[in-house]
Amino acid sequence: MMRLYPPPDAIILGDKSTEAYYETYVDCDVMNPGAFHTNGEFLVFRPVDMSSGERKGDCEFSQID
C-alpha cells in the first residue's frame, strides 16, 4: 500500500499491464496512460487553464493512427 500525505496535485503511473484511466481522489488527479506500444494511445494532461491560470485537471486520451 502506498500512502502520501498530504496528497500531491497529480500522480501519473506507468503501468503497461492495465488499461488507460483517469480518476480524481480527494483533489488528486490519478492517471495511467496505458501501453503506448500496443495501440499508439497516449494521455494529454493539462493541469492549468492556459487563459485564466486556474487549476482545472483536464485529461484527454488520444491515439496515433
Protein backbone atom coordinates (compact mmCIF):
# COMPACT_ATOMS: atom_id res chain seq x y z
CA MET A 1 0.00 0.00 0.00
CA MET A 2 1.24 3.47 -0.87
CA ARG A 3 0.40 6.41 1.38
CA LEU A 4 1.09 10.05 0.59
CA TYR A 5 0.29 12.86 2.99
CA PRO A 6 -0.54 15.49 2.08
CA PRO A 7 -1.67 14.17 -1.28
CA PRO A 8 0.00 15.71 -4.36
CA ASP A 9 -1.94 17.51 -7.09
CA ALA A 10 -1.35 14.67 -9.57
CA ILE A 11 0.03 11.13 -9.73
CA ILE A 12 0.97 9.68 -13.11
CA LEU A 13 1.50 5.92 -13.08
CA GLY A 14 3.28 3.96 -15.80
CA ASP A 15 1.72 0.50 -15.68
CA LYS A 16 1.60 -1.16 -19.10
CA SER A 17 -0.30 -4.16 -17.74
CA THR A 18 -3.52 -2.21 -17.13
CA GLU A 19 -5.78 -0.09 -19.32
CA ALA A 20 -5.50 3.69 -19.50
CA TYR A 21 -7.56 5.53 -16.88
CA TYR A 22 -8.08 8.88 -15.20
CA GLU A 23 -9.67 9.32 -11.76
CA THR A 24 -9.80 12.01 -9.09
CA TYR A 25 -9.36 11.04 -5.44
CA VAL A 26 -9.62 13.76 -2.76
CA ASP A 27 -8.49 16.56 -5.16
CA CYS A 28 -5.60 14.44 -6.52
CA ASP A 29 -5.67 13.55 -10.23
CA VAL A 30 -4.52 9.94 -10.73
CA MET A 31 -3.88 8.70 -14.24
CA ASN A 32 -2.25 5.87 -16.15
CA PRO A 33 -1.54 6.44 -19.85
CA GLY A 34 -1.53 2.70 -20.59
CA ALA A 35 0.76 0.90 -23.03
CA PHE A 36 1.72 3.17 -25.93
CA HIS A 37 3.47 0.39 -27.87
CA THR A 38 0.35 -1.77 -28.28
CA ASN A 39 -2.07 0.68 -29.92
CA GLY A 40 -0.41 4.12 -30.04
CA GLU A 41 -2.66 5.63 -27.35
CA PHE A 42 -1.32 8.36 -25.09
CA LEU A 43 -2.60 10.78 -22.48
CA VAL A 44 -2.57 14.60 -22.59
CA PHE A 45 -2.91 16.20 -19.15
CA ARG A 46 -3.50 19.94 -18.77
CA PRO A 47 -3.38 20.79 -15.06
CA VAL A 48 -3.94 24.55 -15.58
CA ASP A 49 -6.30 26.54 -17.77
CA MET A 50 -3.91 28.49 -20.02
CA SER A 51 -6.22 31.53 -20.33
CA SER A 52 -7.05 32.06 -16.65
CA GLY A 53 -4.23 30.21 -14.86
CA GLU A 54 -6.74 28.33 -12.66
CA ARG A 55 -6.31 24.66 -11.81
CA LYS A 56 -8.64 22.53 -13.91
CA GLY A 57 -7.19 18.99 -14.20
CA ASP A 58 -8.24 18.33 -17.79
CA CYS A 59 -7.26 14.94 -19.21
CA GLU A 60 -7.65 13.75 -22.78
CA PHE A 61 -6.88 10.34 -24.25
CA SER A 62 -5.53 10.45 -27.82
CA GLN A 63 -4.26 7.96 -30.37
CA ILE A 64 -1.76 7.99 -33.22
CA ASP A 65 -3.28 6.39 -36.30
